[in-house]
Amino acid sequence: MSLTLYGAPLSPFVRKVRLFLAEKALDYQLEIILPFGQPAWYRELSPLGRIPSFKDGDFSLADSSVICQYLDDKYPHNSSLLGRTAEQRAQVRWLEKYADYELAPLCTFSVFRNRALKPSMGQLCDEESVQKALTEKLPAHFDYLEKTLGNAEYFLGDYLTLADLAVTCQLINMEHGAEILDPQRWPNLSAHYTRIKSRSSVQGVLPGELKMLAKMSANA
């Protein structure tokens, strides 16, 4: 088995696959590819130039959701992270999509991008955009996730799935942008975030990310 993941650690989509691999106990190599200034050969793996992409031997894929689905199908001897029934698998796909398409534009491409990424590149933070995301847009999404989660430990009840990882990955980027969930307003979701962050899979990647953030801050 020779698994290689291509991407940048601070990308929530790359992180999602890294956590998936860790939870599946699959060894892999991470090759750093940034969203910009990519080598010409990378388009052979990711025709749209997006991260992450992935290789398993001679077989290659792009898109974090597709990669995770492949890994779950290819290595079924490890516990499934996509649900156990048709209904559960559909719910996992929905919540992963919700995280990627609804949370990502706000947590990552607004809060994180403006607060952490832009200053490191010598660009000004658009704080108005950040505040709009935090006060006008994100609360409704957090309300929905709070209600969906309820008092359960995980979105599917008593065991971890990709849904938990996908949501957490976006909240990590929001925290990298110096914002966290209000535990008074969203107690269940806040506790869930803390719970998932404490897992060994997440703790295995966060120290490296924090070092990168510190270096970025020093360059700002």
N, C-alpha and C. Protein backbone atom coordinates (compact mmCIF):
# COMPACT_ATOMS: atom_id res chain seq x y z
N MET A 1 0.84 -1.20 0.00
CA MET A 1 0.00 0.00 0.00
C MET A 1 0.88 1.25 0.00
N SER A 2 0.62 2.15 -0.95
CA SER A 2 1.38 3.38 -1.05
C SER A 2 0.41 4.53 -1.27
N LEU A 3 0.03 5.19 -0.18
CA LEU A 3 -0.95 6.26 -0.24
C LEU A 3 -0.25 7.61 -0.12
N THR A 4 -0.56 8.51 -1.04
CA THR A 4 0.01 9.85 -1.01
C THR A 4 -1.11 10.88 -1.13
N LEU A 5 -1.11 11.83 -0.21
CA LEU A 5 -2.09 12.92 -0.21
C LEU A 5 -1.36 14.20 -0.57
N TYR A 6 -1.94 14.95 -1.50
CA TYR A 6 -1.34 16.19 -1.97
C TYR A 6 -2.19 17.37 -1.52
N GLY A 7 -1.55 18.35 -0.88
CA GLY A 7 -2.30 19.52 -0.45
C GLY A 7 -1.57 20.28 0.64
N ALA A 8 -2.25 21.29 1.17
CA ALA A 8 -1.70 22.15 2.22
C ALA A 8 -2.40 21.86 3.54
N PRO A 9 -1.66 21.71 4.63
CA PRO A 9 -2.25 21.31 5.91
C PRO A 9 -3.35 22.21 6.43
N LEU A 10 -3.30 23.51 6.13
CA LEU A 10 -4.30 24.42 6.67
C LEU A 10 -5.61 24.41 5.88
N SER A 11 -5.62 23.71 4.78
CA SER A 11 -6.87 23.55 4.04
C SER A 11 -7.80 22.63 4.82
N PRO A 12 -9.04 23.02 5.07
CA PRO A 12 -9.95 22.13 5.79
C PRO A 12 -10.28 20.87 5.02
N PHE A 13 -10.17 20.93 3.71
CA PHE A 13 -10.48 19.77 2.88
C PHE A 13 -9.33 18.76 2.91
N VAL A 14 -8.11 19.28 2.94
CA VAL A 14 -6.95 18.41 3.13
C VAL A 14 -6.98 17.80 4.52
N ARG A 15 -7.27 18.64 5.52
CA ARG A 15 -7.35 18.16 6.90
C ARG A 15 -8.40 17.05 7.04
N LYS A 16 -9.52 17.23 6.38
CA LYS A 16 -10.59 16.23 6.46
C LYS A 16 -10.09 14.85 6.02
N VAL A 17 -9.35 14.82 4.91
CA VAL A 17 -8.82 13.55 4.43
C VAL A 17 -7.75 13.01 5.38
N ARG A 18 -6.92 13.89 5.92
CA ARG A 18 -5.90 13.46 6.87
C ARG A 18 -6.54 12.81 8.10
N LEU A 19 -7.60 13.43 8.60
CA LEU A 19 -8.28 12.87 9.77
C LEU A 19 -8.95 11.55 9.41
N PHE A 20 -9.52 11.48 8.23
CA PHE A 20 -10.16 10.25 7.77
C PHE A 20 -9.13 9.12 7.70
N LEU A 21 -7.98 9.41 7.13
CA LEU A 21 -6.91 8.41 7.05
C LEU A 21 -6.46 7.97 8.44
N ALA A 22 -6.32 8.92 9.35
CA ALA A 22 -5.89 8.59 10.70
C ALA A 22 -6.93 7.73 11.42
N GLU A 23 -8.20 8.09 11.28
CA GLU A 23 -9.26 7.33 11.94
C GLU A 23 -9.40 5.93 11.34
N LYS A 24 -9.01 5.78 10.09
CA LYS A 24 -9.02 4.47 9.44
C LYS A 24 -7.72 3.70 9.67
N ALA A 25 -6.79 4.33 10.40
CA ALA A 25 -5.48 3.74 10.70
C ALA A 25 -4.73 3.37 9.43
N LEU A 26 -4.75 4.28 8.46
CA LEU A 26 -4.06 4.08 7.19
C LEU A 26 -2.84 4.98 7.12
N ASP A 27 -1.68 4.41 6.85
CA ASP A 27 -0.46 5.19 6.72
C ASP A 27 -0.44 5.88 5.36
N TYR A 28 0.10 7.09 5.32
CA TYR A 28 0.15 7.83 4.07
C TYR A 28 1.29 8.83 4.12
N GLN A 29 1.62 9.38 2.97
CA GLN A 29 2.61 10.43 2.87
C GLN A 29 1.91 11.71 2.42
N LEU A 30 2.22 12.82 3.07
CA LEU A 30 1.67 14.12 2.68
C LEU A 30 2.70 14.87 1.86
N GLU A 31 2.32 15.23 0.65
CA GLU A 31 3.18 16.05 -0.21
C GLU A 31 2.55 17.43 -0.32
N ILE A 32 3.29 18.45 0.07
CA ILE A 32 2.74 19.80 0.12
C ILE A 32 2.53 20.37 -1.28
N ILE A 33 1.29 20.71 -1.55
CA ILE A 33 0.91 21.42 -2.77
C ILE A 33 0.01 22.57 -2.34
N LEU A 34 0.37 23.77 -2.70
CA LEU A 34 -0.42 24.94 -2.32
C LEU A 34 -1.54 25.18 -3.33
N PRO A 35 -2.52 25.97 -2.97
CA PRO A 35 -3.61 26.27 -3.91
C PRO A 35 -3.16 27.13 -5.08
N PHE A 36 -1.96 27.71 -4.98
CA PHE A 36 -1.45 28.59 -6.03
C PHE A 36 0.00 28.22 -6.32
N GLY A 37 0.50 28.60 -7.49
CA GLY A 37 1.88 28.31 -7.85
C GLY A 37 2.18 26.83 -7.93
N GLN A 38 1.23 26.06 -8.42
CA GLN A 38 1.38 24.61 -8.46
C GLN A 38 2.27 24.18 -9.63
N PRO A 39 3.01 23.07 -9.46
CA PRO A 39 3.78 22.54 -10.59
C PRO A 39 2.86 22.05 -11.70
N ALA A 40 3.33 22.08 -12.92
CA ALA A 40 2.51 21.73 -14.07
C ALA A 40 1.96 20.30 -13.98
N TRP A 41 2.76 19.39 -13.41
CA TRP A 41 2.33 17.99 -13.36
C TRP A 41 1.13 17.77 -12.45
N TYR A 42 0.85 18.74 -11.57
CA TYR A 42 -0.24 18.53 -10.61
C TYR A 42 -1.60 18.46 -11.31
N ARG A 43 -1.73 19.10 -12.45
CA ARG A 43 -3.00 19.07 -13.18
C ARG A 43 -3.35 17.67 -13.66
N GLU A 44 -2.37 16.80 -13.74
CA GLU A 44 -2.65 15.42 -14.11
C GLU A 44 -3.41 14.70 -12.98
N LEU A 45 -3.19 15.13 -11.76
CA LEU A 45 -3.88 14.55 -10.61
C LEU A 45 -5.18 15.28 -10.33
N SER A 46 -5.15 16.59 -10.46
CA SER A 46 -6.31 17.43 -10.16
C SER A 46 -6.54 18.37 -11.33
N PRO A 47 -7.37 17.98 -12.28
CA PRO A 47 -7.56 18.78 -13.49
C PRO A 47 -7.99 20.22 -13.23
N LEU A 48 -8.68 20.47 -12.11
CA LEU A 48 -9.11 21.82 -11.77
C LEU A 48 -8.09 22.57 -10.92
N GLY A 49 -7.00 21.89 -10.55
CA GLY A 49 -5.96 22.52 -9.76
C GLY A 49 -6.32 22.72 -8.30
N ARG A 50 -7.31 21.99 -7.83
CA ARG A 50 -7.74 22.13 -6.45
C ARG A 50 -7.05 21.12 -5.55
N ILE A 51 -7.03 21.44 -4.25
CA ILE A 51 -6.49 20.51 -3.27
C ILE A 51 -7.64 20.05 -2.37
N PRO A 52 -7.54 18.79 -1.90
CA PRO A 52 -6.47 17.82 -2.10
C PRO A 52 -6.67 16.98 -3.36
N SER A 53 -5.58 16.29 -3.71
CA SER A 53 -5.68 15.15 -4.62
C SER A 53 -4.97 13.99 -3.93
N PHE A 54 -5.01 12.84 -4.57
CA PHE A 54 -4.63 11.62 -3.84
C PHE A 54 -4.18 10.55 -4.82
N LYS A 55 -3.21 9.75 -4.38
CA LYS A 55 -2.78 8.60 -5.17
C LYS A 55 -2.72 7.36 -4.27
N ASP A 56 -3.22 6.28 -4.79
CA ASP A 56 -3.09 4.96 -4.16
C ASP A 56 -2.39 4.10 -5.20
N GLY A 57 -1.06 4.00 -5.06
CA GLY A 57 -0.30 3.33 -6.11
C GLY A 57 -0.37 4.14 -7.39
N ASP A 58 -0.87 3.53 -8.46
CA ASP A 58 -1.00 4.22 -9.75
C ASP A 58 -2.37 4.85 -9.94
N PHE A 59 -3.26 4.67 -8.97
CA PHE A 59 -4.61 5.20 -9.08
C PHE A 59 -4.69 6.57 -8.41
N SER A 60 -5.25 7.54 -9.12
CA SER A 60 -5.31 8.89 -8.57
C SER A 60 -6.73 9.42 -8.56
N LEU A 61 -6.99 10.34 -7.63
CA LEU A 61 -8.30 10.95 -7.44
C LEU A 61 -8.12 12.40 -7.00
N ALA A 62 -9.16 13.20 -7.25
CA ALA A 62 -9.23 14.54 -6.69
C ALA A 62 -10.58 14.69 -6.00
N ASP A 63 -10.68 15.68 -5.11
CA ASP A 63 -11.88 16.01 -4.34
C ASP A 63 -11.91 15.23 -3.03
N SER A 64 -11.99 15.97 -1.94
CA SER A 64 -11.91 15.35 -0.61
C SER A 64 -13.03 14.36 -0.35
N SER A 65 -14.25 14.67 -0.77
CA SER A 65 -15.37 13.76 -0.53
C SER A 65 -15.18 12.46 -1.29
N VAL A 66 -14.77 12.56 -2.54
CA VAL A 66 -14.56 11.36 -3.36
C VAL A 66 -13.41 10.53 -2.80
N ILE A 67 -12.36 11.20 -2.35
CA ILE A 67 -11.22 10.47 -1.77
C ILE A 67 -11.66 9.69 -0.53
N CYS A 68 -12.43 10.33 0.34
CA CYS A 68 -12.88 9.65 1.56
C CYS A 68 -13.80 8.48 1.23
N GLN A 69 -14.69 8.65 0.27
CA GLN A 69 -15.57 7.55 -0.13
C GLN A 69 -14.77 6.39 -0.69
N TYR A 70 -13.74 6.71 -1.48
CA TYR A 70 -12.87 5.67 -2.02
C TYR A 70 -12.17 4.90 -0.91
N LEU A 71 -11.62 5.63 0.04
CA LEU A 71 -10.89 4.99 1.13
C LEU A 71 -11.80 4.08 1.95
N ASP A 72 -13.04 4.50 2.16
CA ASP A 72 -13.97 3.69 2.93
C ASP A 72 -14.33 2.41 2.16
N ASP A 73 -14.46 2.52 0.84
CA ASP A 73 -14.78 1.36 0.01
C ASP A 73 -13.57 0.44 -0.17
N LYS A 74 -12.42 1.04 -0.36
CA LYS A 74 -11.21 0.28 -0.67
C LYS A 74 -10.68 -0.47 0.55
N TYR A 75 -10.83 0.11 1.71
CA TYR A 75 -10.28 -0.48 2.93
C TYR A 75 -11.39 -0.73 3.95
N PRO A 76 -12.30 -1.67 3.62
CA PRO A 76 -13.45 -1.93 4.48
C PRO A 76 -13.10 -2.66 5.78
N HIS A 77 -11.87 -3.20 5.86
CA HIS A 77 -11.49 -3.88 7.09
C HIS A 77 -11.36 -2.92 8.26
N ASN A 78 -11.18 -1.63 7.94
CA ASN A 78 -11.23 -0.62 8.99
C ASN A 78 -12.67 -0.15 9.13
N SER A 79 -13.08 0.24 10.30
CA SER A 79 -14.47 0.61 10.54
C SER A 79 -14.92 1.72 9.60
N SER A 80 -16.16 1.62 9.12
CA SER A 80 -16.69 2.60 8.19
C SER A 80 -16.94 3.92 8.89
N LEU A 81 -16.60 4.99 8.20
CA LEU A 81 -16.87 6.34 8.70
C LEU A 81 -17.98 7.02 7.90
N LEU A 82 -18.68 6.23 7.08
CA LEU A 82 -19.72 6.81 6.22
C LEU A 82 -21.12 6.36 6.60
N GLY A 83 -21.27 5.66 7.74
CA GLY A 83 -22.59 5.21 8.16
C GLY A 83 -22.78 3.73 7.90
N ARG A 84 -23.76 3.14 8.58
CA ARG A 84 -23.97 1.69 8.52
C ARG A 84 -25.20 1.28 7.74
N THR A 85 -26.10 2.21 7.52
CA THR A 85 -27.32 1.93 6.76
C THR A 85 -27.44 2.96 5.64
N ALA A 86 -28.35 2.71 4.71
CA ALA A 86 -28.56 3.66 3.61
C ALA A 86 -28.96 5.02 4.15
N GLU A 87 -29.80 5.03 5.16
CA GLU A 87 -30.25 6.29 5.75
C GLU A 87 -29.09 7.04 6.42
N GLN A 88 -28.27 6.31 7.16
CA GLN A 88 -27.14 6.93 7.83
C GLN A 88 -26.12 7.46 6.82
N ARG A 89 -25.86 6.69 5.78
CA ARG A 89 -24.89 7.12 4.78
C ARG A 89 -25.37 8.38 4.06
N ALA A 90 -26.67 8.44 3.83
CA ALA A 90 -27.22 9.65 3.21
C ALA A 90 -27.08 10.85 4.14
N GLN A 91 -27.31 10.64 5.43
CA GLN A 91 -27.18 11.73 6.40
C GLN A 91 -25.73 12.20 6.50
N VAL A 92 -24.79 11.29 6.46
CA VAL A 92 -23.38 11.66 6.49
C VAL A 92 -23.03 12.49 5.27
N ARG A 93 -23.46 12.03 4.10
CA ARG A 93 -23.17 12.78 2.87
C ARG A 93 -23.77 14.18 2.93
N TRP A 94 -24.99 14.28 3.46
CA TRP A 94 -25.64 15.59 3.57
C TRP A 94 -24.86 16.52 4.49
N LEU A 95 -24.48 16.04 5.66
CA LEU A 95 -23.79 16.90 6.61
C LEU A 95 -22.39 17.26 6.13
N GLU A 96 -21.73 16.34 5.44
CA GLU A 96 -20.43 16.67 4.87
C GLU A 96 -20.60 17.76 3.82
N LYS A 97 -21.61 17.62 2.96
CA LYS A 97 -21.88 18.64 1.95
C LYS A 97 -22.22 19.97 2.62
N TYR A 98 -22.99 19.91 3.69
CA TYR A 98 -23.36 21.13 4.41
C TYR A 98 -22.11 21.85 4.92
N ALA A 99 -21.19 21.08 5.48
CA ALA A 99 -19.94 21.68 5.98
C ALA A 99 -19.13 22.28 4.84
N ASP A 100 -19.01 21.54 3.75
CA ASP A 100 -18.16 21.97 2.63
C ASP A 100 -18.75 23.14 1.86
N TYR A 101 -20.07 23.20 1.74
CA TYR A 101 -20.69 24.21 0.89
C TYR A 101 -21.32 25.38 1.65
N GLU A 102 -21.67 25.17 2.90
CA GLU A 102 -22.30 26.24 3.67
C GLU A 102 -21.35 26.84 4.71
N LEU A 103 -20.63 25.99 5.44
CA LEU A 103 -19.70 26.50 6.45
C LEU A 103 -18.40 27.01 5.84
N ALA A 104 -17.88 26.31 4.85
CA ALA A 104 -16.57 26.66 4.30
C ALA A 104 -16.49 28.10 3.78
N PRO A 105 -17.49 28.59 3.03
CA PRO A 105 -17.38 29.97 2.55
C PRO A 105 -17.30 31.00 3.67
N LEU A 106 -17.77 30.63 4.84
CA LEU A 106 -17.81 31.56 5.97
C LEU A 106 -16.65 31.32 6.94
N CYS A 107 -16.54 30.09 7.43
CA CYS A 107 -15.49 29.78 8.42
C CYS A 107 -14.10 29.89 7.82
N THR A 108 -13.94 29.38 6.60
CA THR A 108 -12.62 29.33 5.98
C THR A 108 -12.35 30.50 5.06
N PHE A 109 -13.24 30.73 4.09
CA PHE A 109 -12.95 31.72 3.06
C PHE A 109 -13.31 33.14 3.47
N SER A 110 -13.93 33.29 4.63
CA SER A 110 -14.15 34.63 5.17
C SER A 110 -13.33 34.85 6.42
N VAL A 111 -13.63 34.12 7.50
CA VAL A 111 -12.94 34.35 8.78
C VAL A 111 -11.46 34.01 8.68
N PHE A 112 -11.15 32.78 8.33
CA PHE A 112 -9.75 32.34 8.28
C PHE A 112 -8.95 33.09 7.22
N ARG A 113 -9.52 33.20 6.04
CA ARG A 113 -8.80 33.86 4.95
C ARG A 113 -8.46 35.30 5.29
N ASN A 114 -9.41 36.02 5.87
CA ASN A 114 -9.17 37.43 6.18
C ASN A 114 -8.30 37.63 7.41
N ARG A 115 -8.52 36.82 8.43
CA ARG A 115 -7.81 37.03 9.69
C ARG A 115 -6.40 36.44 9.69
N ALA A 116 -6.20 35.32 8.99
CA ALA A 116 -4.91 34.62 9.06
C ALA A 116 -4.14 34.65 7.74
N LEU A 117 -4.82 34.34 6.64
CA LEU A 117 -4.12 34.18 5.37
C LEU A 117 -3.73 35.50 4.74
N LYS A 118 -4.69 36.42 4.62
CA LYS A 118 -4.39 37.69 3.96
C LYS A 118 -3.24 38.45 4.61
N PRO A 119 -3.23 38.64 5.95
CA PRO A 119 -2.13 39.38 6.56
C PRO A 119 -0.77 38.75 6.29
N SER A 120 -0.71 37.42 6.21
CA SER A 120 0.56 36.75 5.95
C SER A 120 1.06 37.00 4.54
N MET A 121 0.14 37.44 3.66
CA MET A 121 0.49 37.72 2.26
C MET A 121 0.59 39.22 2.00
N GLY A 122 0.58 39.99 3.09
CA GLY A 122 0.70 41.43 2.95
C GLY A 122 -0.56 42.11 2.48
N GLN A 123 -1.70 41.44 2.66
CA GLN A 123 -2.98 42.00 2.24
C GLN A 123 -3.79 42.41 3.47
N LEU A 124 -4.71 43.34 3.27
CA LEU A 124 -5.53 43.82 4.37
C LEU A 124 -6.69 42.87 4.66
N CYS A 125 -6.98 42.72 5.93
CA CYS A 125 -8.13 41.93 6.36
C CYS A 125 -9.41 42.72 6.10
N ASP A 126 -10.37 42.07 5.49
CA ASP A 126 -11.69 42.68 5.29
C ASP A 126 -12.54 42.34 6.51
N GLU A 127 -12.39 43.13 7.56
CA GLU A 127 -13.06 42.83 8.82
C GLU A 127 -14.58 42.95 8.69
N GLU A 128 -15.03 43.78 7.80
CA GLU A 128 -16.47 43.91 7.59
C GLU A 128 -17.05 42.59 7.09
N SER A 129 -16.33 41.93 6.19
CA SER A 129 -16.77 40.63 5.69
C SER A 129 -16.76 39.58 6.80
N VAL A 130 -15.75 39.64 7.65
CA VAL A 130 -15.66 38.72 8.77
C VAL A 130 -16.85 38.89 9.71
N GLN A 131 -17.14 40.13 10.07
CA GLN A 131 -18.23 40.38 10.99
C GLN A 131 -19.58 40.01 10.40
N LYS A 132 -19.74 40.21 9.11
CA LYS A 132 -20.98 39.82 8.46
C LYS A 132 -21.17 38.32 8.52
N ALA A 133 -20.08 37.57 8.30
CA ALA A 133 -20.15 36.12 8.40
C ALA A 133 -20.50 35.68 9.82
N LEU A 134 -19.87 36.32 10.80
CA LEU A 134 -20.04 35.91 12.19
C LEU A 134 -21.42 36.28 12.76
N THR A 135 -21.93 37.42 12.37
CA THR A 135 -23.16 37.90 13.00
C THR A 135 -24.42 37.68 12.17
N GLU A 136 -24.28 37.64 10.84
CA GLU A 136 -25.46 37.55 9.99
C GLU A 136 -25.67 36.18 9.37
N LYS A 137 -24.59 35.46 9.10
CA LYS A 137 -24.71 34.23 8.32
C LYS A 137 -24.48 32.96 9.11
N LEU A 138 -23.42 32.91 9.87
CA LEU A 138 -23.07 31.67 10.57
C LEU A 138 -24.07 31.27 11.66
N PRO A 139 -24.66 32.19 12.42
CA PRO A 139 -25.56 31.77 13.49
C PRO A 139 -26.68 30.83 13.04
N ALA A 140 -27.28 31.07 11.90
CA ALA A 140 -28.35 30.19 11.42
C ALA A 140 -27.82 28.79 11.14
N HIS A 141 -26.63 28.70 10.61
CA HIS A 141 -26.03 27.38 10.36
C HIS A 141 -25.72 26.67 11.67
N PHE A 142 -25.20 27.41 12.63
CA PHE A 142 -24.90 26.81 13.93
C PHE A 142 -26.20 26.38 14.64
N ASP A 143 -27.25 27.16 14.48
CA ASP A 143 -28.55 26.77 15.04
C ASP A 143 -29.00 25.43 14.47
N TYR A 144 -28.86 25.29 13.17
CA TYR A 144 -29.28 24.04 12.50
C TYR A 144 -28.45 22.85 13.00
N LEU A 145 -27.14 23.03 13.07
CA LEU A 145 -26.27 21.93 13.51
C LEU A 145 -26.50 21.60 14.98
N GLU A 146 -26.74 22.61 15.79
CA GLU A 146 -27.05 22.40 17.22
C GLU A 146 -28.30 21.53 17.36
N LYS A 147 -29.33 21.84 16.59
CA LYS A 147 -30.57 21.08 16.65
C LYS A 147 -30.39 19.68 16.09
N THR A 148 -29.65 19.55 15.00
CA THR A 148 -29.41 18.25 14.39
C THR A 148 -28.63 17.33 15.31
N LEU A 149 -27.64 17.87 15.98
CA LEU A 149 -26.81 17.09 16.90
C LEU A 149 -27.60 16.69 18.15
N GLY A 150 -28.37 17.61 18.69
CA GLY A 150 -29.09 17.33 19.93
C GLY A 150 -28.12 17.04 21.06
N ASN A 151 -28.48 16.08 21.89
CA ASN A 151 -27.63 15.71 23.03
C ASN A 151 -26.69 14.55 22.71
N ALA A 152 -26.64 14.13 21.47
CA ALA A 152 -25.80 12.99 21.09
C ALA A 152 -24.33 13.38 21.09
N GLU A 153 -23.48 12.38 21.22
CA GLU A 153 -22.04 12.65 21.17
C GLU A 153 -21.58 12.94 19.75
N TYR A 154 -22.20 12.29 18.78
CA TYR A 154 -21.83 12.45 17.38
C TYR A 154 -23.08 12.69 16.55
N PHE A 155 -22.92 13.15 15.32
CA PHE A 155 -24.08 13.46 14.51
C PHE A 155 -24.92 12.23 14.19
N LEU A 156 -24.31 11.05 14.19
CA LEU A 156 -25.09 9.84 13.98
C LEU A 156 -25.36 9.10 15.29
N GLY A 157 -25.18 9.79 16.40
CA GLY A 157 -25.54 9.20 17.68
C GLY A 157 -24.35 8.78 18.51
N ASP A 158 -23.94 7.53 18.38
CA ASP A 158 -22.94 7.00 19.30
C ASP A 158 -21.61 6.65 18.66
N TYR A 159 -21.41 7.03 17.38
CA TYR A 159 -20.10 6.74 16.80
C TYR A 159 -19.71 7.79 15.77
N LEU A 160 -18.40 7.94 15.60
CA LEU A 160 -17.82 8.96 14.74
C LEU A 160 -18.05 8.65 13.28
N THR A 161 -18.33 9.70 12.49
CA THR A 161 -18.41 9.55 11.04
C THR A 161 -17.72 10.74 10.37
N LEU A 162 -17.70 10.70 9.06
CA LEU A 162 -17.14 11.79 8.28
C LEU A 162 -17.89 13.10 8.53
N ALA A 163 -19.15 13.02 8.87
CA ALA A 163 -19.92 14.23 9.17
C ALA A 163 -19.28 15.01 10.32
N ASP A 164 -18.87 14.31 11.36
CA ASP A 164 -18.23 14.96 12.51
C ASP A 164 -16.91 15.60 12.10
N LEU A 165 -16.15 14.89 11.28
CA LEU A 165 -14.85 15.41 10.85
C LEU A 165 -15.00 16.63 9.96
N ALA A 166 -15.96 16.58 9.04
CA ALA A 166 -16.14 17.69 8.09
C ALA A 166 -16.53 18.97 8.81
N VAL A 167 -17.48 18.88 9.74
CA VAL A 167 -17.91 20.06 10.48
C VAL A 167 -16.77 20.60 11.33
N THR A 168 -16.08 19.71 12.02
CA THR A 168 -14.97 20.12 12.88
C THR A 168 -13.87 20.80 12.10
N CYS A 169 -13.59 20.32 10.89
CA CYS A 169 -12.53 20.92 10.08
C CYS A 169 -12.82 22.38 9.77
N GLN A 170 -14.07 22.71 9.53
CA GLN A 170 -14.41 24.11 9.28
C GLN A 170 -14.31 24.95 10.55
N LEU A 171 -14.71 24.39 11.67
CA LEU A 171 -14.63 25.12 12.94
C LEU A 171 -13.18 25.32 13.37
N ILE A 172 -12.31 24.39 13.02
CA ILE A 172 -10.88 24.58 13.30
C ILE A 172 -10.36 25.79 12.53
N ASN A 173 -10.75 25.91 11.27
CA ASN A 173 -10.29 27.07 10.50
C ASN A 173 -10.85 28.36 11.07
N MET A 174 -12.08 28.31 11.56
CA MET A 174 -12.65 29.49 12.19
C MET A 174 -11.84 29.86 13.44
N GLU A 175 -11.45 28.86 14.20
CA GLU A 175 -10.62 29.12 15.38
C GLU A 175 -9.24 29.63 14.99
N HIS A 176 -8.69 29.11 13.89
CA HIS A 176 -7.42 29.65 13.38
C HIS A 176 -7.58 31.13 13.03
N GLY A 177 -8.81 31.55 12.76
CA GLY A 177 -9.09 32.95 12.50
C GLY A 177 -9.52 33.70 13.75
N ALA A 178 -9.22 33.12 14.92
CA ALA A 178 -9.44 33.77 16.22
C ALA A 178 -10.91 33.88 16.60
N GLU A 179 -11.73 32.93 16.17
CA GLU A 179 -13.13 32.91 16.57
C GLU A 179 -13.53 31.49 16.98
N ILE A 180 -14.29 31.37 18.06
CA ILE A 180 -14.77 30.07 18.51
C ILE A 180 -16.27 30.13 18.73
N LEU A 181 -16.87 28.96 18.80
CA LEU A 181 -18.30 28.87 19.08
C LEU A 181 -18.62 29.41 20.47
N ASP A 182 -19.75 30.04 20.59
CA ASP A 182 -20.24 30.50 21.89
C ASP A 182 -20.87 29.30 22.61
N PRO A 183 -20.25 28.80 23.68
CA PRO A 183 -20.78 27.61 24.36
C PRO A 183 -22.11 27.86 25.06
N GLN A 184 -22.44 29.11 25.33
CA GLN A 184 -23.74 29.42 25.93
C GLN A 184 -24.86 29.36 24.89
N ARG A 185 -24.56 29.79 23.71
CA ARG A 185 -25.58 29.83 22.65
C ARG A 185 -25.71 28.47 21.95
N TRP A 186 -24.58 27.78 21.77
CA TRP A 186 -24.58 26.48 21.08
C TRP A 186 -23.85 25.44 21.93
N PRO A 187 -24.41 25.08 23.08
CA PRO A 187 -23.70 24.19 24.01
C PRO A 187 -23.41 22.81 23.44
N ASN A 188 -24.35 22.24 22.72
CA ASN A 188 -24.14 20.90 22.17
C ASN A 188 -23.06 20.90 21.09
N LEU A 189 -23.14 21.85 20.19
CA LEU A 189 -22.16 21.92 19.11
C LEU A 189 -20.78 22.27 19.65
N SER A 190 -20.73 23.14 20.64
CA SER A 190 -19.45 23.51 21.25
C SER A 190 -18.81 22.30 21.94
N ALA A 191 -19.62 21.53 22.66
CA ALA A 191 -19.10 20.33 23.33
C ALA A 191 -18.65 19.30 22.30
N HIS A 192 -19.39 19.19 21.22
CA HIS A 192 -19.02 18.26 20.14
C HIS A 192 -17.68 18.67 19.54
N TYR A 193 -17.50 19.96 19.30
CA TYR A 193 -16.24 20.45 18.75
C TYR A 193 -15.07 20.12 19.67
N THR A 194 -15.24 20.37 20.95
CA THR A 194 -14.20 20.05 21.92
C THR A 194 -13.91 18.56 21.94
N ARG A 195 -14.95 17.76 21.86
CA ARG A 195 -14.81 16.31 21.89
C ARG A 195 -14.02 15.79 20.68
N ILE A 196 -14.37 16.28 19.50
CA ILE A 196 -13.67 15.82 18.30
C ILE A 196 -12.23 16.33 18.28
N LYS A 197 -12.03 17.56 18.71
CA LYS A 197 -10.67 18.11 18.74
C LYS A 197 -9.75 17.33 19.66
N SER A 198 -10.29 16.69 20.67
CA SER A 198 -9.47 15.95 21.62
C SER A 198 -9.04 14.59 21.09
N ARG A 199 -9.59 14.14 19.99
CA ARG A 199 -9.24 12.84 19.44
C ARG A 199 -7.79 12.85 18.97
N SER A 200 -7.17 11.68 19.01
CA SER A 200 -5.76 11.58 18.63
C SER A 200 -5.54 11.96 17.17
N SER A 201 -6.53 11.70 16.32
CA SER A 201 -6.39 12.04 14.91
C SER A 201 -6.21 13.55 14.74
N VAL A 202 -7.01 14.32 15.44
CA VAL A 202 -6.93 15.78 15.34
C VAL A 202 -5.67 16.29 16.03
N GLN A 203 -5.39 15.76 17.21
CA GLN A 203 -4.20 16.19 17.93
C GLN A 203 -2.92 15.85 17.18
N GLY A 204 -3.01 14.90 16.27
CA GLY A 204 -1.85 14.54 15.47
C GLY A 204 -1.51 15.56 14.40
N VAL A 205 -2.49 16.37 13.98
CA VAL A 205 -2.23 17.35 12.92
C VAL A 205 -2.17 18.79 13.43
N LEU A 206 -2.83 19.08 14.55
CA LEU A 206 -2.92 20.47 15.01
C LEU A 206 -1.57 21.11 15.36
N PRO A 207 -0.64 20.41 16.02
CA PRO A 207 0.63 21.08 16.35
C PRO A 207 1.35 21.62 15.11
N GLY A 208 1.36 20.85 14.05
CA GLY A 208 1.99 21.32 12.82
C GLY A 208 1.28 22.53 12.24
N GLU A 209 -0.04 22.53 12.32
CA GLU A 209 -0.81 23.66 11.82
C GLU A 209 -0.52 24.92 12.64
N LEU A 210 -0.45 24.76 13.94
CA LEU A 210 -0.19 25.92 14.80
C LEU A 210 1.19 26.50 14.55
N LYS A 211 2.16 25.65 14.25
CA LYS A 211 3.49 26.14 13.90
C LYS A 211 3.44 26.95 12.62
N MET A 212 2.68 26.46 11.65
CA MET A 212 2.53 27.19 10.39
C MET A 212 1.87 28.53 10.62
N LEU A 213 0.84 28.57 11.47
CA LEU A 213 0.15 29.82 11.76
C LEU A 213 1.08 30.82 12.45
N ALA A 214 1.91 30.31 13.37
CA ALA A 214 2.85 31.19 14.06
C ALA A 214 3.84 31.79 13.07
N LYS A 215 4.30 30.99 12.12
CA LYS A 215 5.23 31.49 11.11
C LYS A 215 4.55 32.51 10.21
N MET A 216 3.29 32.24 9.85
CA MET A 216 2.53 33.17 9.03
C MET A 216 2.35 34.50 9.75
N SER A 217 2.04 34.42 11.05
CA SER A 217 1.83 35.63 11.84
C SER A 217 3.11 36.46 11.93
N ALA A 218 4.23 35.76 12.04
CA ALA A 218 5.51 36.47 12.13
C ALA A 218 5.85 37.19 10.84
N ASN A 219 5.34 36.64 9.72
CA ASN A 219 5.62 37.24 8.42
C ASN A 219 4.63 38.35 8.06
N ALA A 220 3.58 38.47 8.87
CA ALA A 220 2.53 39.46 8.55
C ALA A 220 3.04 40.89 8.71
